[in-house]
Structure formats: structure tokens, C-alpha cells
Amino acid sequence: AAAVPCQKPRSELVRTSLRLLTSSAYRLQSECRKALPAEPGAAPDVQLLTQQVIQCAYDIAKAAKQLVTITTKENNN
């Protein structure tokens, strides 16, 4: 018999994915707020802000893909 690597239970994988999705969405909201400076003349670092928004969007997509993969596997079993 081949050794099967230990995997997290699906419910834990779902919780991990949901945490990533939620935290990334909050981060995205926060980064987007920075694009609208509270003080006139206070220009945000557009390059850094863009990188942060892209990273948040990537993390959201990653978490969504994980949830789809877990759900698809559960439905196929």
C-alpha cells in the first residue's frame, strides 16, 4: 500500500480558505480607501498601492479557487 500524505480535513480547508477570502477582502477595501486621500494634496504612493491591490485580488482569487476545488471534490465523492 502506498503511503498517503496526511491532509487537513475538508472542513479545516474550508475554514482556512474562508479566512483568507475574508482577510483579503478587508485588506482590499483598506487599500482602496488609501487611494482617496483624506487630506487635499496628500498623494498616495500609486505604485505601492497598485501592488497591494493586485496582491489582495490574487489572494481573493486563490481562496475562491480553493473553495471551488474543495466543493467540487466533495460533490464528486
Protein backbone atom coordinates (compact mmCIF):
# COMPACT_ATOMS: atom_id res chain seq x y z
CA ALA A 1 0.00 0.00 0.00
CA ALA A 2 1.29 3.43 -0.89
CA ALA A 3 1.73 5.93 1.88
CA VAL A 4 -0.91 8.62 1.74
CA PRO A 5 0.22 12.04 2.90
CA CYS A 6 -1.71 13.43 5.85
CA GLN A 7 -4.21 16.04 4.69
CA LYS A 8 -6.26 18.53 6.65
CA PRO A 9 -9.92 17.62 6.99
CA ARG A 10 -12.05 19.34 4.37
CA SER A 11 -13.85 21.42 6.99
CA GLU A 12 -10.49 22.85 8.11
CA LEU A 13 -9.53 23.56 4.49
CA VAL A 14 -12.84 25.38 4.01
CA ARG A 15 -12.25 27.45 7.17
CA THR A 16 -8.71 28.30 6.03
CA SER A 17 -9.95 29.35 2.59
CA LEU A 18 -12.76 31.43 4.07
CA ARG A 19 -10.33 33.16 6.43
CA LEU A 20 -8.04 34.01 3.50
CA LEU A 21 -11.01 35.24 1.47
CA THR A 22 -12.32 37.41 4.29
CA SER A 23 -8.97 38.88 5.34
CA SER A 24 -8.04 39.59 1.71
CA ALA A 25 -11.36 41.34 1.10
CA TYR A 26 -10.83 43.55 4.17
CA ARG A 27 -7.28 44.32 3.01
CA LEU A 28 -8.55 45.17 -0.48
CA GLN A 29 -11.12 47.55 0.99
CA SER A 30 -8.45 49.19 3.14
CA GLU A 31 -6.02 49.58 0.23
CA CYS A 32 -8.73 51.08 -1.98
CA ARG A 33 -9.59 53.62 0.72
CA LYS A 34 -5.96 54.75 0.64
CA ALA A 35 -6.47 55.74 -2.99
CA LEU A 36 -8.77 58.52 -1.78
CA PRO A 37 -6.55 60.63 0.49
CA ALA A 38 -8.31 62.27 3.43
CA GLU A 39 -6.27 65.45 3.07
CA PRO A 40 -6.17 67.52 -0.11
CA GLY A 41 -2.76 67.33 -1.76
CA ALA A 42 -1.78 64.11 0.03
CA ALA A 43 -0.98 61.84 -2.90
CA PRO A 44 -0.75 58.11 -2.18
CA ASP A 45 2.15 56.02 -3.45
CA VAL A 46 0.32 54.79 -6.56
CA GLN A 47 2.85 52.10 -7.43
CA LEU A 48 2.79 50.57 -3.94
CA LEU A 49 -0.98 50.90 -3.75
CA THR A 50 -1.36 49.15 -7.11
CA GLN A 51 0.89 46.29 -5.98
CA GLN A 52 -1.11 45.89 -2.77
CA VAL A 53 -4.44 45.86 -4.63
CA ILE A 54 -3.12 43.27 -7.10
CA GLN A 55 -1.89 41.08 -4.22
CA CYS A 56 -5.26 41.31 -2.46
CA ALA A 57 -7.10 40.43 -5.67
CA TYR A 58 -4.76 37.46 -6.20
CA ASP A 59 -5.38 36.22 -2.64
CA ILE A 60 -9.15 36.54 -3.14
CA ALA A 61 -8.95 34.56 -6.38
CA LYS A 62 -6.74 31.94 -4.71
CA ALA A 63 -9.18 31.48 -1.82
CA ALA A 64 -12.14 31.28 -4.21
CA LYS A 65 -10.34 28.64 -6.29
CA GLN A 66 -9.59 26.62 -3.16
CA LEU A 67 -13.27 26.70 -2.18
CA VAL A 68 -14.36 25.65 -5.67
CA THR A 69 -11.83 22.80 -5.66
CA ILE A 70 -12.95 21.56 -2.23
CA THR A 71 -16.64 21.80 -3.15
CA THR A 72 -16.08 20.02 -6.47
CA LYS A 73 -14.22 17.17 -4.75
CA GLU A 74 -16.98 16.82 -2.14
CA ASN A 75 -19.66 16.72 -4.84
CA ASN A 76 -17.74 14.08 -6.80
CA ASN A 77 -17.41 11.74 -3.79
